[in-house]
Amino acid sequence: MPKQAQHAKWLPHDDERLLEMIEKGNSWDEIAESFPERTRLALLERYRKLRRISSGSWTLPAPNSVRNPYYTPEEDELLVKLKESGESWKDIAKSFPGRGKRGLQYRYYALEQQRREKGER
């Protein structure tokens, strides 16, 4: 019988159990059997999301943590310095805990546009 589409919220213990099973080397079929309320695809997508969130480690951000949308002048300076030195966005993101590659890219290009408008460069 196919699983019905449900949108149950992922809880921290679900994430821990999923990661634990993956670390133990369980197959996706075995993992899916232990999560009868989730599809295999939902499990795989959650795993990918957890990997993006954790940036290579298994520690997850605190629940309900709010990311600061504002950049400090020091962050702006470091961002420009790292990008102009030829660093990849992936490596740059490692220097900014809690900020993703995409957000850093947007910020960098916004700073570049501000510099062009001021006639700098």
PDB file of N, CA and C in Angstrom:
ATOM      1  N   MET A   1       0.846  -1.181   0.000  1.00  0.00           N
ATOM      2  CA  MET A   1       0.000   0.000   0.000  1.00  0.00           C
ATOM      3  C   MET A   1       0.891   1.244   0.000  1.00  0.00           C
ATOM      4  N   PRO A   2       0.711   2.179  -0.948  1.00  0.00           N
ATOM      5  CA  PRO A   2       1.576   3.360  -1.008  1.00  0.00           C
ATOM      6  C   PRO A   2       1.335   4.282   0.178  1.00  0.00           C
ATOM      7  N   LYS A   3       2.395   4.952   0.549  1.00  0.00           N
ATOM      8  CA  LYS A   3       2.296   5.903   1.658  1.00  0.00           C
ATOM      9  C   LYS A   3       1.561   7.140   1.191  1.00  0.00           C
ATOM     10  N   GLN A   4       0.718   7.658   2.049  1.00  0.00           N
ATOM     11  CA  GLN A   4      -0.018   8.867   1.708  1.00  0.00           C
ATOM     12  C   GLN A   4       0.851  10.077   1.987  1.00  0.00           C
ATOM     13  N   ALA A   5       0.645  11.120   1.199  1.00  0.00           N
ATOM     14  CA  ALA A   5       1.414  12.348   1.391  1.00  0.00           C
ATOM     15  C   ALA A   5       1.001  12.993   2.709  1.00  0.00           C
ATOM     16  N   GLN A   6       1.955  13.123   3.584  1.00  0.00           N
ATOM     17  CA  GLN A   6       1.716  13.786   4.853  1.00  0.00           C
ATOM     18  C   GLN A   6       2.773  14.853   5.012  1.00  0.00           C
ATOM     19  N   HIS A   7       2.439  15.874   5.707  1.00  0.00           N
ATOM     20  CA  HIS A   7       3.391  16.960   5.921  1.00  0.00           C
ATOM     21  C   HIS A   7       3.678  17.082   7.411  1.00  0.00           C
ATOM     22  N   ALA A   8       4.055  15.978   8.018  1.00  0.00           N
ATOM     23  CA  ALA A   8       4.392  15.989   9.438  1.00  0.00           C
ATOM     24  C   ALA A   8       5.692  16.755   9.625  1.00  0.00           C
ATOM     25  N   LYS A   9       5.734  17.515  10.677  1.00  0.00           N
ATOM     26  CA  LYS A   9       6.917  18.301  10.980  1.00  0.00           C
ATOM     27  C   LYS A   9       8.065  17.385  11.382  1.00  0.00           C
ATOM     28  N   TRP A  10       9.272  17.724  10.941  1.00  0.00           N
ATOM     29  CA  TRP A  10      10.443  16.972  11.361  1.00  0.00           C
ATOM     30  C   TRP A  10      10.834  17.431  12.755  1.00  0.00           C
ATOM     31  N   LEU A  11      10.994  16.504  13.644  1.00  0.00           N
ATOM     32  CA  LEU A  11      11.385  16.815  15.020  1.00  0.00           C
ATOM     33  C   LEU A  11      12.865  16.492  15.207  1.00  0.00           C
ATOM     34  N   PRO A  12      13.509  17.127  16.183  1.00  0.00           N
ATOM     35  CA  PRO A  12      14.935  16.869  16.393  1.00  0.00           C
ATOM     36  C   PRO A  12      15.272  15.385  16.561  1.00  0.00           C
ATOM     37  N   HIS A  13      14.417  14.625  17.256  1.00  0.00           N
ATOM     38  CA  HIS A  13      14.730  13.200  17.428  1.00  0.00           C
ATOM     39  C   HIS A  13      14.616  12.436  16.109  1.00  0.00           C
ATOM     40  N   ASP A  14      13.750  12.909  15.182  1.00  0.00           N
ATOM     41  CA  ASP A  14      13.671  12.291  13.853  1.00  0.00           C
ATOM     42  C   ASP A  14      14.983  12.508  13.102  1.00  0.00           C
ATOM     43  N   ASP A  15      15.494  13.736  13.165  1.00  0.00           N
ATOM     44  CA  ASP A  15      16.756  14.057  12.503  1.00  0.00           C
ATOM     45  C   ASP A  15      17.889  13.209  13.069  1.00  0.00           C
ATOM     46  N   GLU A  16      17.942  13.111  14.387  1.00  0.00           N
ATOM     47  CA  GLU A  16      19.004  12.325  15.041  1.00  0.00           C
ATOM     48  C   GLU A  16      18.938  10.866  14.625  1.00  0.00           C
ATOM     49  N   ARG A  17      17.731  10.324  14.609  1.00  0.00           N
ATOM     50  CA  ARG A  17      17.556   8.914  14.237  1.00  0.00           C
ATOM     51  C   ARG A  17      17.956   8.689  12.779  1.00  0.00           C
ATOM     52  N   LEU A  18      17.560   9.613  11.891  1.00  0.00           N
ATOM     53  CA  LEU A  18      17.915   9.505  10.481  1.00  0.00           C
ATOM     54  C   LEU A  18      19.436   9.528  10.304  1.00  0.00           C
ATOM     55  N   LEU A  19      20.084  10.497  10.924  1.00  0.00           N
ATOM     56  CA  LEU A  19      21.538  10.619  10.803  1.00  0.00           C
ATOM     57  C   LEU A  19      22.258   9.410  11.407  1.00  0.00           C
ATOM     58  N   GLU A  20      21.752   8.925  12.515  1.00  0.00           N
ATOM     59  CA  GLU A  20      22.351   7.756  13.166  1.00  0.00           C
ATOM     60  C   GLU A  20      22.286   6.541  12.248  1.00  0.00           C
ATOM     61  N   MET A  21      21.149   6.333  11.605  1.00  0.00           N
ATOM     62  CA  MET A  21      20.991   5.186  10.716  1.00  0.00           C
ATOM     63  C   MET A  21      21.911   5.309   9.502  1.00  0.00           C
ATOM     64  N   ILE A  22      22.068   6.524   8.993  1.00  0.00           N
ATOM     65  CA  ILE A  22      22.951   6.733   7.847  1.00  0.00           C
ATOM     66  C   ILE A  22      24.401   6.469   8.245  1.00  0.00           C
ATOM     67  N   GLU A  23      24.794   6.973   9.425  1.00  0.00           N
ATOM     68  CA  GLU A  23      26.163   6.765   9.904  1.00  0.00           C
ATOM     69  C   GLU A  23      26.472   5.277  10.112  1.00  0.00           C
ATOM     70  N   LYS A  24      25.461   4.504  10.512  1.00  0.00           N
ATOM     71  CA  LYS A  24      25.648   3.068  10.718  1.00  0.00           C
ATOM     72  C   LYS A  24      25.723   2.309   9.398  1.00  0.00           C
ATOM     73  N   GLY A  25      25.422   2.982   8.299  1.00  0.00           N
ATOM     74  CA  GLY A  25      25.514   2.344   6.990  1.00  0.00           C
ATOM     75  C   GLY A  25      24.260   1.630   6.545  1.00  0.00           C
ATOM     76  N   ASN A  26      23.128   1.931   7.171  1.00  0.00           N
ATOM     77  CA  ASN A  26      21.865   1.309   6.759  1.00  0.00           C
ATOM     78  C   ASN A  26      21.522   1.742   5.332  1.00  0.00           C
ATOM     79  N   SER A  27      20.862   0.870   4.602  1.00  0.00           N
ATOM     80  CA  SER A  27      20.425   1.207   3.244  1.00  0.00           C
ATOM     81  C   SER A  27      19.198   2.118   3.331  1.00  0.00           C
ATOM     82  N   TRP A  28      18.914   2.795   2.230  1.00  0.00           N
ATOM     83  CA  TRP A  28      17.743   3.676   2.221  1.00  0.00           C
ATOM     84  C   TRP A  28      16.459   2.886   2.413  1.00  0.00           C
ATOM     85  N   ASP A  29      16.429   1.642   1.930  1.00  0.00           N
ATOM     86  CA  ASP A  29      15.238   0.806   2.135  1.00  0.00           C
ATOM     87  C   ASP A  29      15.039   0.508   3.621  1.00  0.00           C
ATOM     88  N   GLU A  30      16.137   0.191   4.328  1.00  0.00           N
ATOM     89  CA  GLU A  30      16.044  -0.073   5.761  1.00  0.00           C
ATOM     90  C   GLU A  30      15.615   1.183   6.522  1.00  0.00           C
ATOM     91  N   ILE A  31      16.169   2.298   6.114  1.00  0.00           N
ATOM     92  CA  ILE A  31      15.813   3.564   6.772  1.00  0.00           C
ATOM     93  C   ILE A  31      14.336   3.864   6.544  1.00  0.00           C
ATOM     94  N   ALA A  32      13.877   3.683   5.303  1.00  0.00           N
ATOM     95  CA  ALA A  32      12.472   3.954   4.982  1.00  0.00           C
ATOM     96  C   ALA A  32      11.529   3.055   5.777  1.00  0.00           C
ATOM     97  N   GLU A  33      11.942   1.828   6.024  1.00  0.00           N
ATOM     98  CA  GLU A  33      11.102   0.916   6.808  1.00  0.00           C
ATOM     99  C   GLU A  33      10.944   1.384   8.244  1.00  0.00           C
ATOM    100  N   SER A  34      11.967   2.047   8.768  1.00  0.00           N
ATOM    101  CA  SER A  34      11.877   2.501  10.159  1.00  0.00           C
ATOM    102  C   SER A  34      11.175   3.851  10.295  1.00  0.00           C
ATOM    103  N   PHE A  35      10.839   4.475   9.161  1.00  0.00           N
ATOM    104  CA  PHE A  35      10.062   5.717   9.136  1.00  0.00           C
ATOM    105  C   PHE A  35       8.819   5.479   8.286  1.00  0.00           C
ATOM    106  N   PRO A  36       7.868   4.694   8.778  1.00  0.00           N
ATOM    107  CA  PRO A  36       6.717   4.335   7.941  1.00  0.00           C
ATOM    108  C   PRO A  36       5.872   5.532   7.498  1.00  0.00           C
ATOM    109  N   GLU A  37       5.977   6.638   8.217  1.00  0.00           N
ATOM    110  CA  GLU A  37       5.171   7.813   7.874  1.00  0.00           C
ATOM    111  C   GLU A  37       5.840   8.693   6.803  1.00  0.00           C
ATOM    112  N   ARG A  38       7.047   8.319   6.370  1.00  0.00           N
ATOM    113  CA  ARG A  38       7.807   9.120   5.406  1.00  0.00           C
ATOM    114  C   ARG A  38       8.133   8.298   4.163  1.00  0.00           C
ATOM    115  N   THR A  39       8.187   8.985   3.038  1.00  0.00           N
ATOM    116  CA  THR A  39       8.603   8.309   1.813  1.00  0.00           C
ATOM    117  C   THR A  39      10.127   8.290   1.747  1.00  0.00           C
ATOM    118  N   ARG A  40      10.634   7.420   0.913  1.00  0.00           N
ATOM    119  CA  ARG A  40      12.091   7.354   0.725  1.00  0.00           C
ATOM    120  C   ARG A  40      12.616   8.693   0.230  1.00  0.00           C
ATOM    121  N   LEU A  41      11.880   9.317  -0.697  1.00  0.00           N
ATOM    122  CA  LEU A  41      12.291  10.609  -1.238  1.00  0.00           C
ATOM    123  C   LEU A  41      12.312  11.682  -0.151  1.00  0.00           C
ATOM    124  N   ALA A  42      11.314  11.670   0.727  1.00  0.00           N
ATOM    125  CA  ALA A  42      11.274  12.648   1.820  1.00  0.00           C
ATOM    126  C   ALA A  42      12.477  12.475   2.739  1.00  0.00           C
ATOM    127  N   LEU A  43      12.862  11.233   2.984  1.00  0.00           N
ATOM    128  CA  LEU A  43      14.031  10.969   3.832  1.00  0.00           C
ATOM    129  C   LEU A  43      15.312  11.456   3.174  1.00  0.00           C
ATOM    130  N   LEU A  44      15.444  11.190   1.890  1.00  0.00           N
ATOM    131  CA  LEU A  44      16.629  11.628   1.164  1.00  0.00           C
ATOM    132  C   LEU A  44      16.713  13.155   1.124  1.00  0.00           C
ATOM    133  N   GLU A  45      15.591  13.807   0.869  1.00  0.00           N
ATOM    134  CA  GLU A  45      15.579  15.273   0.841  1.00  0.00           C
ATOM    135  C   GLU A  45      15.903  15.864   2.211  1.00  0.00           C
ATOM    136  N   ARG A  46      15.397  15.228   3.264  1.00  0.00           N
ATOM    137  CA  ARG A  46      15.705  15.715   4.608  1.00  0.00           C
ATOM    138  C   ARG A  46      17.190  15.555   4.907  1.00  0.00           C
ATOM    139  N   TYR A  47      17.764  14.437   4.504  1.00  0.00           N
ATOM    140  CA  TYR A  47      19.187  14.209   4.714  1.00  0.00           C
ATOM    141  C   TYR A  47      20.009  15.273   3.976  1.00  0.00           C
ATOM    142  N   ARG A  48      19.651  15.561   2.750  1.00  0.00           N
ATOM    143  CA  ARG A  48      20.364  16.591   1.987  1.00  0.00           C
ATOM    144  C   ARG A  48      20.246  17.955   2.665  1.00  0.00           C
ATOM    145  N   LYS A  49      19.054  18.253   3.172  1.00  0.00           N
ATOM    146  CA  LYS A  49      18.855  19.527   3.861  1.00  0.00           C
ATOM    147  C   LYS A  49      19.710  19.598   5.136  1.00  0.00           C
ATOM    148  N   LEU A  50      19.757  18.520   5.876  1.00  0.00           N
ATOM    149  CA  LEU A  50      20.565  18.491   7.093  1.00  0.00           C
ATOM    150  C   LEU A  50      22.039  18.688   6.770  1.00  0.00           C
ATOM    151  N   ARG A  51      22.486  18.117   5.678  1.00  0.00           N
ATOM    152  CA  ARG A  51      23.894  18.293   5.282  1.00  0.00           C
ATOM    153  C   ARG A  51      24.170  19.743   4.929  1.00  0.00           C
ATOM    154  N   ARG A  52      23.222  20.391   4.248  1.00  0.00           N
ATOM    155  CA  ARG A  52      23.412  21.821   3.915  1.00  0.00           C
ATOM    156  C   ARG A  52      23.430  22.660   5.173  1.00  0.00           C
ATOM    157  N   ILE A  53      22.513  22.395   6.080  1.00  0.00           N
ATOM    158  CA  ILE A  53      22.409  23.161   7.324  1.00  0.00           C
ATOM    159  C   ILE A  53      23.675  23.006   8.152  1.00  0.00           C
ATOM    160  N   SER A  54      24.155  21.785   8.225  1.00  0.00           N
ATOM    161  CA  SER A  54      25.261  21.516   9.139  1.00  0.00           C
ATOM    162  C   SER A  54      26.624  21.855   8.566  1.00  0.00           C
ATOM    163  N   SER A  55      26.710  22.149   7.289  1.00  0.00           N
ATOM    164  CA  SER A  55      27.978  22.526   6.649  1.00  0.00           C
ATOM    165  C   SER A  55      29.092  21.523   6.918  1.00  0.00           C
ATOM    166  N   GLY A  56      28.775  20.264   6.804  1.00  0.00           N
ATOM    167  CA  GLY A  56      29.800  19.244   6.914  1.00  0.00           C
ATOM    168  C   GLY A  56      29.906  18.593   8.279  1.00  0.00           C
ATOM    169  N   SER A  57      29.258  19.123   9.300  1.00  0.00           N
ATOM    170  CA  SER A  57      29.284  18.457  10.603  1.00  0.00           C
ATOM    171  C   SER A  57      27.850  18.054  10.940  1.00  0.00           C
ATOM    172  N   TRP A  58      27.706  17.195  11.923  1.00  0.00           N
ATOM    173  CA  TRP A  58      26.369  16.726  12.265  1.00  0.00           C
ATOM    174  C   TRP A  58      25.684  17.606  13.293  1.00  0.00           C
ATOM    175  N   THR A  59      26.304  18.683  13.725  1.00  0.00           N
ATOM    176  CA  THR A  59      25.652  19.544  14.693  1.00  0.00           C
ATOM    177  C   THR A  59      24.691  20.479  13.968  1.00  0.00           C
ATOM    178  N   LEU A  60      23.502  20.567  14.475  1.00  0.00           N
ATOM    179  CA  LEU A  60      22.467  21.389  13.863  1.00  0.00           C
ATOM    180  C   LEU A  60      22.291  22.671  14.653  1.00  0.00           C
ATOM    181  N   PRO A  61      21.801  23.726  14.000  1.00  0.00           N
ATOM    182  CA  PRO A  61      21.564  24.958  14.737  1.00  0.00           C
ATOM    183  C   PRO A  61      20.498  24.761  15.810  1.00  0.00           C
ATOM    184  N   ALA A  62      20.561  25.581  16.835  1.00  0.00           N
ATOM    185  CA  ALA A  62      19.576  25.488  17.913  1.00  0.00           C
ATOM    186  C   ALA A  62      18.182  25.742  17.345  1.00  0.00           C
ATOM    187  N   PRO A  63      17.174  25.018  17.849  1.00  0.00           N
ATOM    188  CA  PRO A  63      15.819  25.243  17.363  1.00  0.00           C
ATOM    189  C   PRO A  63      15.405  26.696  17.572  1.00  0.00           C
ATOM    190  N   ASN A  64      14.649  27.196  16.642  1.00  0.00           N
ATOM    191  CA  ASN A  64      14.132  28.562  16.677  1.00  0.00           C
ATOM    192  C   ASN A  64      15.229  29.625  16.685  1.00  0.00           C
ATOM    193  N   SER A  65      16.439  29.252  16.232  1.00  0.00           N
ATOM    194  CA  SER A  65      17.485  30.268  16.178  1.00  0.00           C
ATOM    195  C   SER A  65      17.184  31.200  15.006  1.00  0.00           C
ATOM    196  N   VAL A  66      17.384  32.457  15.227  1.00  0.00           N
ATOM    197  CA  VAL A  66      17.096  33.459  14.210  1.00  0.00           C
ATOM    198  C   VAL A  66      18.421  33.942  13.642  1.00  0.00           C
ATOM    199  N   ARG A  67      18.545  33.889  12.348  1.00  0.00           N
ATOM    200  CA  ARG A  67      19.759  34.380  11.711  1.00  0.00           C
ATOM    201  C   ARG A  67      19.693  35.895  11.613  1.00  0.00           C
ATOM    202  N   ASN A  68      20.828  36.508  11.837  1.00  0.00           N
ATOM    203  CA  ASN A  68      20.891  37.958  11.760  1.00  0.00           C
ATOM    204  C   ASN A  68      20.910  38.373  10.294  1.00  0.00           C
ATOM    205  N   PRO A  69      19.907  39.117   9.831  1.00  0.00           N
ATOM    206  CA  PRO A  69      19.873  39.511   8.430  1.00  0.00           C
ATOM    207  C   PRO A  69      20.848  40.650   8.120  1.00  0.00           C
ATOM    208  N   TYR A  70      21.383  41.298   9.137  1.00  0.00           N
ATOM    209  CA  TYR A  70      22.257  42.432   8.919  1.00  0.00           C
ATOM    210  C   TYR A  70      23.715  42.021   8.947  1.00  0.00           C
ATOM    211  N   TYR A  71      24.486  42.637   8.091  1.00  0.00           N
ATOM    212  CA  TYR A  71      25.921  42.379   8.041  1.00  0.00           C
ATOM    213  C   TYR A  71      26.647  43.523   8.736  1.00  0.00           C
ATOM    214  N   THR A  72      27.676  43.176   9.483  1.00  0.00           N
ATOM    215  CA  THR A  72      28.492  44.202  10.132  1.00  0.00           C
ATOM    216  C   THR A  72      29.521  44.700   9.118  1.00  0.00           C
ATOM    217  N   PRO A  73      30.067  45.893   9.336  1.00  0.00           N
ATOM    218  CA  PRO A  73      31.126  46.374   8.430  1.00  0.00           C
ATOM    219  C   PRO A  73      32.314  45.404   8.378  1.00  0.00           C
ATOM    220  N   GLU A  74      32.600  44.744   9.505  1.00  0.00           N
ATOM    221  CA  GLU A  74      33.699  43.781   9.531  1.00  0.00           C
ATOM    222  C   GLU A  74      33.396  42.579   8.632  1.00  0.00           C
ATOM    223  N   GLU A  75      32.130  42.121   8.668  1.00  0.00           N
ATOM    224  CA  GLU A  75      31.742  41.003   7.804  1.00  0.00           C
ATOM    225  C   GLU A  75      31.843  41.406   6.338  1.00  0.00           C
ATOM    226  N   ASP A  76      31.387  42.618   6.020  1.00  0.00           N
ATOM    227  CA  ASP A  76      31.466  43.099   4.641  1.00  0.00           C
ATOM    228  C   ASP A  76      32.919  43.142   4.169  1.00  0.00           C
ATOM    229  N   GLU A  77      33.778  43.652   5.025  1.00  0.00           N
ATOM    230  CA  GLU A  77      35.196  43.771   4.681  1.00  0.00           C
ATOM    231  C   GLU A  77      35.817  42.384   4.446  1.00  0.00           C
ATOM    232  N   LEU A  78      35.519  41.446   5.335  1.00  0.00           N
ATOM    233  CA  LEU A  78      36.047  40.090   5.189  1.00  0.00           C
ATOM    234  C   LEU A  78      35.501  39.426   3.936  1.00  0.00           C
ATOM    235  N   LEU A  79      34.225  39.615   3.661  1.00  0.00           N
ATOM    236  CA  LEU A  79      33.599  39.027   2.483  1.00  0.00           C
ATOM    237  C   LEU A  79      34.284  39.503   1.205  1.00  0.00           C
ATOM    238  N   VAL A  80      34.471  40.798   1.098  1.00  0.00           N
ATOM    239  CA  VAL A  80      35.112  41.363  -0.096  1.00  0.00           C
ATOM    240  C   VAL A  80      36.554  40.862  -0.209  1.00  0.00           C
ATOM    241  N   LYS A  81      37.264  40.846   0.901  1.00  0.00           N
ATOM    242  CA  LYS A  81      38.661  40.401   0.910  1.00  0.00           C
ATOM    243  C   LYS A  81      38.771  38.945   0.441  1.00  0.00           C
ATOM    244  N   LEU A  82      37.919  38.075   0.988  1.00  0.00           N
ATOM    245  CA  LEU A  82      37.976  36.659   0.619  1.00  0.00           C
ATOM    246  C   LEU A  82      37.618  36.437  -0.843  1.00  0.00           C
ATOM    247  N   LYS A  83      36.592  37.126  -1.320  1.00  0.00           N
ATOM    248  CA  LYS A  83      36.167  36.946  -2.713  1.00  0.00           C
ATOM    249  C   LYS A  83      37.220  37.472  -3.675  1.00  0.00           C
ATOM    250  N   GLU A  84      37.807  38.611  -3.347  1.00  0.00           N
ATOM    251  CA  GLU A  84      38.815  39.178  -4.233  1.00  0.00           C
ATOM    252  C   GLU A  84      40.117  38.386  -4.208  1.00  0.00           C
ATOM    253  N   SER A  85      40.314  37.569  -3.178  1.00  0.00           N
ATOM    254  CA  SER A  85      41.507  36.722  -3.132  1.00  0.00           C
ATOM    255  C   SER A  85      41.305  35.434  -3.932  1.00  0.00           C
ATOM    256  N   GLY A  86      40.087  35.244  -4.479  1.00  0.00           N
ATOM    257  CA  GLY A  86      39.825  34.095  -5.330  1.00  0.00           C
ATOM    258  C   GLY A  86      39.215  32.894  -4.638  1.00  0.00           C
ATOM    259  N   GLU A  87      38.804  33.051  -3.396  1.00  0.00           N
ATOM    260  CA  GLU A  87      38.186  31.938  -2.664  1.00  0.00           C
ATOM    261  C   GLU A  87      36.861  31.537  -3.317  1.00  0.00           C
ATOM    262  N   SER A  88      36.521  30.268  -3.209  1.00  0.00           N
ATOM    263  CA  SER A  88      35.230  29.795  -3.710  1.00  0.00           C
ATOM    264  C   SER A  88      34.139  30.191  -2.712  1.00  0.00           C
ATOM    265  N   TRP A  89      32.901  30.228  -3.176  1.00  0.00           N
ATOM    266  CA  TRP A  89      31.792  30.581  -2.283  1.00  0.00           C
ATOM    267  C   TRP A  89      31.664  29.556  -1.166  1.00  0.00           C
ATOM    268  N   LYS A  90      31.928  28.307  -1.463  1.00  0.00           N
ATOM    269  CA  LYS A  90      31.847  27.259  -0.444  1.00  0.00           C
ATOM    270  C   LYS A  90      32.850  27.525   0.675  1.00  0.00           C
ATOM    271  N   ASP A  91      34.077  27.896   0.297  1.00  0.00           N
ATOM    272  CA  ASP A  91      35.102  28.177   1.301  1.00  0.00           C
ATOM    273  C   ASP A  91      34.815  29.467   2.053  1.00  0.00           C
ATOM    274  N   ILE A  92      34.274  30.451   1.348  1.00  0.00           N
ATOM    275  CA  ILE A  92      33.931  31.715   1.995  1.00  0.00           C
ATOM    276  C   ILE A  92      32.872  31.481   3.059  1.00  0.00           C
ATOM    277  N   ALA A  93      31.874  30.654   2.739  1.00  0.00           N
ATOM    278  CA  ALA A  93      30.777  30.391   3.675  1.00  0.00           C
ATOM    279  C   ALA A  93      31.276  29.773   4.979  1.00  0.00           C
ATOM    280  N   LYS A  94      32.385  29.052   4.931  1.00  0.00           N
ATOM    281  CA  LYS A  94      32.943  28.451   6.142  1.00  0.00           C
ATOM    282  C   LYS A  94      33.423  29.517   7.131  1.00  0.00           C
ATOM    283  N   SER A  95      33.730  30.696   6.632  1.00  0.00           N
ATOM    284  CA  SER A  95      34.188  31.795   7.489  1.00  0.00           C
ATOM    285  C   SER A  95      33.039  32.585   8.099  1.00  0.00           C
ATOM    286  N   PHE A  96      31.804  32.242   7.701  1.00  0.00           N
ATOM    287  CA  PHE A  96      30.627  32.972   8.174  1.00  0.00           C
ATOM    288  C   PHE A  96      29.600  31.990   8.739  1.00  0.00           C
ATOM    289  N   PRO A  97      29.802  31.517   9.963  1.00  0.00           N
ATOM    290  CA  PRO A  97      28.840  30.571  10.544  1.00  0.00           C
ATOM    291  C   PRO A  97      27.429  31.171  10.580  1.00  0.00           C
ATOM    292  N   GLY A  98      26.457  30.376  10.169  1.00  0.00           N
ATOM    293  CA  GLY A  98      25.073  30.838  10.186  1.00  0.00           C
ATOM    294  C   GLY A  98      24.655  31.566   8.926  1.00  0.00           C
ATOM    295  N   ARG A  99      25.579  31.724   7.982  1.00  0.00           N
ATOM    296  CA  ARG A  99      25.234  32.376   6.716  1.00  0.00           C
ATOM    297  C   ARG A  99      25.536  31.409   5.576  1.00  0.00           C
ATOM    298  N   GLY A 100      24.632  31.337   4.623  1.00  0.00           N
ATOM    299  CA  GLY A 100      24.791  30.418   3.505  1.00  0.00           C
ATOM    300  C   GLY A 100      25.491  31.057   2.319  1.00  0.00           C
ATOM    301  N   LYS A 101      25.911  30.189   1.393  1.00  0.00           N
ATOM    302  CA  LYS A 101      26.603  30.661   0.192  1.00  0.00           C
ATOM    303  C   LYS A 101      25.758  31.661  -0.582  1.00  0.00           C
ATOM    304  N   ARG A 102      24.492  31.331  -0.764  1.00  0.00           N
ATOM    305  CA  ARG A 102      23.633  32.180  -1.590  1.00  0.00           C
ATOM    306  C   ARG A 102      23.483  33.582  -0.985  1.00  0.00           C
ATOM    307  N   GLY A 103      23.253  33.648   0.317  1.00  0.00           N
ATOM    308  CA  GLY A 103      23.130  34.937   0.981  1.00  0.00           C
ATOM    309  C   GLY A 103      24.407  35.753   0.891  1.00  0.00           C
ATOM    310  N   LEU A 104      25.534  35.077   1.001  1.00  0.00           N
ATOM    311  CA  LEU A 104      26.821  35.763   0.884  1.00  0.00           C
ATOM    312  C   LEU A 104      27.033  36.286  -0.534  1.00  0.00           C
ATOM    313  N   GLN A 105      26.616  35.489  -1.512  1.00  0.00           N
ATOM    314  CA  GLN A 105      26.728  35.947  -2.897  1.00  0.00           C
ATOM    315  C   GLN A 105      25.891  37.198  -3.117  1.00  0.00           C
ATOM    316  N   TYR A 106      24.652  37.183  -2.656  1.00  0.00           N
ATOM    317  CA  TYR A 106      23.784  38.351  -2.809  1.00  0.00           C
ATOM    318  C   TYR A 106      24.405  39.575  -2.138  1.00  0.00           C
ATOM    319  N   ARG A 107      24.929  39.360  -0.944  1.00  0.00           N
ATOM    320  CA  ARG A 107      25.537  40.484  -0.223  1.00  0.00           C
ATOM    321  C   ARG A 107      26.748  41.024  -0.976  1.00  0.00           C
ATOM    322  N   TYR A 108      27.593  40.125  -1.472  1.00  0.00           N
ATOM    323  CA  TYR A 108      28.785  40.557  -2.189  1.00  0.00           C
ATOM    324  C   TYR A 108      28.407  41.382  -3.425  1.00  0.00           C
ATOM    325  N   TYR A 109      27.460  40.897  -4.203  1.00  0.00           N
ATOM    326  CA  TYR A 109      27.088  41.617  -5.417  1.00  0.00           C
ATOM    327  C   TYR A 109      26.370  42.927  -5.102  1.00  0.00           C
ATOM    328  N   ALA A 110      25.657  42.979  -3.989  1.00  0.00           N
ATOM    329  CA  ALA A 110      25.045  44.245  -3.563  1.00  0.00           C
ATOM    330  C   ALA A 110      26.140  45.247  -3.192  1.00  0.00           C
ATOM    331  N   LEU A 111      27.178  44.777  -2.509  1.00  0.00           N
ATOM    332  CA  LEU A 111      28.300  45.654  -2.160  1.00  0.00           C
ATOM    333  C   LEU A 111      29.022  46.128  -3.412  1.00  0.00           C
ATOM    334  N   GLU A 112      29.191  45.223  -4.371  1.00  0.00           N
ATOM    335  CA  GLU A 112      29.840  45.601  -5.636  1.00  0.00           C
ATOM    336  C   GLU A 112      29.033  46.675  -6.367  1.00  0.00           C
ATOM    337  N   GLN A 113      27.726  46.519  -6.363  1.00  0.00           N
ATOM    338  CA  GLN A 113      26.871  47.511  -7.030  1.00  0.00           C
ATOM    339  C   GLN A 113      26.985  48.858  -6.319  1.00  0.00           C
ATOM    340  N   GLN A 114      27.008  48.844  -4.997  1.00  0.00           N
ATOM    341  CA  GLN A 114      27.173  50.093  -4.247  1.00  0.00           C
ATOM    342  C   GLN A 114      28.505  50.744  -4.582  1.00  0.00           C
ATOM    343  N   ARG A 115      29.550  49.960  -4.696  1.00  0.00           N
ATOM    344  CA  ARG A 115      30.872  50.498  -5.026  1.00  0.00           C
ATOM    345  C   ARG A 115      30.877  51.105  -6.426  1.00  0.00           C
ATOM    346  N   ARG A 116      30.225  50.430  -7.390  1.00  0.00           N
ATOM    347  CA  ARG A 116      30.165  50.971  -8.762  1.00  0.00           C
ATOM    348  C   ARG A 116      29.396  52.275  -8.803  1.00  0.00           C
ATOM    349  N   GLU A 117      28.299  52.331  -8.047  1.00  0.00           N
ATOM    350  CA  GLU A 117      27.501  53.566  -8.026  1.00  0.00           C
ATOM    351  C   GLU A 117      28.261  54.726  -7.432  1.00  0.00           C
ATOM    352  N   LYS A 118      29.155  54.431  -6.483  1.00  0.00           N
ATOM    353  CA  LYS A 118      29.968  55.475  -5.875  1.00  0.00           C
ATOM    354  C   LYS A 118      31.189  55.814  -6.715  1.00  0.00           C
ATOM    355  N   GLY A 119      31.422  55.019  -7.772  1.00  0.00           N
ATOM    356  CA  GLY A 119      32.553  55.250  -8.640  1.00  0.00           C
ATOM    357  C   GLY A 119      33.845  54.666  -8.125  1.00  0.00           C
ATOM    358  N   GLU A 120      33.778  53.790  -7.155  1.00  0.00           N
ATOM    359  CA  GLU A 120      34.978  53.158  -6.613  1.00  0.00           C
ATOM    360  C   GLU A 120      35.389  51.993  -7.494  1.00  0.00           C
ATOM    361  N   ARG A 121      36.573  51.490  -7.220  1.00  0.00           N
ATOM    362  CA  ARG A 121      37.109  50.282  -7.836  1.00  0.00           C
ATOM    363  C   ARG A 121      38.449  50.505  -8.370  1.00  0.00           C
TER     364      ARG A 121
END
